[in-house]
Amino acid sequence: MISSAIRVQPVLLGAVPCFAGTQIPVKSMFDYLEAGETLDEYLEQYPSVPHTLAVKVLEDSCKSLTGS
């Protein structure tokens, strides 16, 4: 299941999953969080990603991993 907050467009960025309505790869957020940065710090660096969209991706990813 892919989140409704994620779009994959084969022509743009080589079909890299991006936040819906942006060309910002979702992986950039996970890389940022993995490096110990906060979501707020990430969103300061990527102001075109709305907070609600980032949270939806995180929630949907969690649901996908836990199966709930």
C-alpha atoms as a PDB file:
ATOM      1  CA  MET A   1       0.000   0.000   0.000  1.00  0.00           C
ATOM      2  CA  ILE A   2       1.334   3.420  -0.931  1.00  0.00           C
ATOM      3  CA  SER A   3       0.213   6.437   1.034  1.00  0.00           C
ATOM      4  CA  SER A   4      -2.123   8.940  -0.603  1.00  0.00           C
ATOM      5  CA  ALA A   5       0.443  11.499   0.559  1.00  0.00           C
ATOM      6  CA  ILE A   6       3.024  10.045  -1.850  1.00  0.00           C
ATOM      7  CA  ARG A   7       3.134  10.349  -5.624  1.00  0.00           C
ATOM      8  CA  VAL A   8       5.351   8.486  -8.058  1.00  0.00           C
ATOM      9  CA  GLN A   9       5.699  10.064 -11.463  1.00  0.00           C
ATOM     10  CA  PRO A  10       7.847   8.005 -13.829  1.00  0.00           C
ATOM     11  CA  VAL A  11       8.925  11.058 -15.837  1.00  0.00           C
ATOM     12  CA  LEU A  12      10.041  13.116 -12.834  1.00  0.00           C
ATOM     13  CA  LEU A  13      13.039  12.144 -10.744  1.00  0.00           C
ATOM     14  CA  GLY A  14      13.181   8.655 -12.231  1.00  0.00           C
ATOM     15  CA  ALA A  15       9.987   7.471 -10.490  1.00  0.00           C
ATOM     16  CA  VAL A  16      11.277   8.332  -7.026  1.00  0.00           C
ATOM     17  CA  PRO A  17       8.406   8.488  -4.492  1.00  0.00           C
ATOM     18  CA  CYS A  18       7.815  12.165  -3.620  1.00  0.00           C
ATOM     19  CA  PHE A  19       5.501  14.042  -1.312  1.00  0.00           C
ATOM     20  CA  ALA A  20       2.250  14.663  -3.182  1.00  0.00           C
ATOM     21  CA  GLY A  21       2.264  18.038  -4.906  1.00  0.00           C
ATOM     22  CA  THR A  22       6.048  18.439  -4.613  1.00  0.00           C
ATOM     23  CA  GLN A  23       9.229  17.129  -6.163  1.00  0.00           C
ATOM     24  CA  ILE A  24      10.711  16.426  -2.721  1.00  0.00           C
ATOM     25  CA  PRO A  25      11.658  12.747  -2.313  1.00  0.00           C
ATOM     26  CA  VAL A  26      10.061  11.087   0.715  1.00  0.00           C
ATOM     27  CA  LYS A  27      13.372   9.350   1.407  1.00  0.00           C
ATOM     28  CA  SER A  28      14.895  12.726   2.261  1.00  0.00           C
ATOM     29  CA  MET A  29      12.639  12.948   5.324  1.00  0.00           C
ATOM     30  CA  PHE A  30      13.539   9.440   6.502  1.00  0.00           C
ATOM     31  CA  ASP A  31      17.254  10.152   5.960  1.00  0.00           C
ATOM     32  CA  TYR A  32      16.927  13.364   7.941  1.00  0.00           C
ATOM     33  CA  LEU A  33      15.116  11.649  10.830  1.00  0.00           C
ATOM     34  CA  GLU A  34      17.555   8.740  10.808  1.00  0.00           C
ATOM     35  CA  ALA A  35      20.406  11.230  11.192  1.00  0.00           C
ATOM     36  CA  GLY A  36      18.838  12.416  14.458  1.00  0.00           C
ATOM     37  CA  GLU A  37      17.179  15.582  13.209  1.00  0.00           C
ATOM     38  CA  THR A  38      13.616  16.424  14.189  1.00  0.00           C
ATOM     39  CA  LEU A  39      10.617  16.641  11.910  1.00  0.00           C
ATOM     40  CA  ASP A  40      10.414  20.383  12.586  1.00  0.00           C
ATOM     41  CA  GLU A  41      14.046  20.806  11.516  1.00  0.00           C
ATOM     42  CA  TYR A  42      13.319  18.856   8.335  1.00  0.00           C
ATOM     43  CA  LEU A  43      10.292  20.990   7.555  1.00  0.00           C
ATOM     44  CA  GLU A  44      12.353  24.159   8.043  1.00  0.00           C
ATOM     45  CA  GLN A  45      14.713  22.893   5.323  1.00  0.00           C
ATOM     46  CA  TYR A  46      11.836  21.833   3.051  1.00  0.00           C
ATOM     47  CA  PRO A  47       9.092  24.439   3.520  1.00  0.00           C
ATOM     48  CA  SER A  48       7.172  23.167   0.473  1.00  0.00           C
ATOM     49  CA  VAL A  49       6.319  19.990   2.432  1.00  0.00           C
ATOM     50  CA  PRO A  50       3.313  20.728   4.672  1.00  0.00           C
ATOM     51  CA  HIS A  51       3.490  19.409   8.234  1.00  0.00           C
ATOM     52  CA  THR A  52       0.234  17.481   7.780  1.00  0.00           C
ATOM     53  CA  LEU A  53       1.595  15.746   4.677  1.00  0.00           C
ATOM     54  CA  ALA A  54       4.810  14.698   6.427  1.00  0.00           C
ATOM     55  CA  VAL A  55       2.852  13.355   9.397  1.00  0.00           C
ATOM     56  CA  LYS A  56       0.519  11.440   7.068  1.00  0.00           C
ATOM     57  CA  VAL A  57       3.492   9.761   5.372  1.00  0.00           C
ATOM     58  CA  LEU A  58       4.909   8.787   8.761  1.00  0.00           C
ATOM     59  CA  GLU A  59       1.557   7.470  10.004  1.00  0.00           C
ATOM     60  CA  ASP A  60       0.863   5.528   6.801  1.00  0.00           C
ATOM     61  CA  SER A  61       4.386   4.071   6.880  1.00  0.00           C
ATOM     62  CA  CYS A  62       3.889   2.946  10.463  1.00  0.00           C
ATOM     63  CA  LYS A  63       0.537   1.335   9.575  1.00  0.00           C
ATOM     64  CA  SER A  64       2.108  -0.401   6.618  1.00  0.00           C
ATOM     65  CA  LEU A  65       4.926  -1.799   8.746  1.00  0.00           C
ATOM     66  CA  THR A  66       2.679  -2.946  11.590  1.00  0.00           C
ATOM     67  CA  GLY A  67      -0.146  -4.150   9.398  1.00  0.00           C
ATOM     68  CA  SER A  68      -2.759  -2.051  11.173  1.00  0.00           C
END
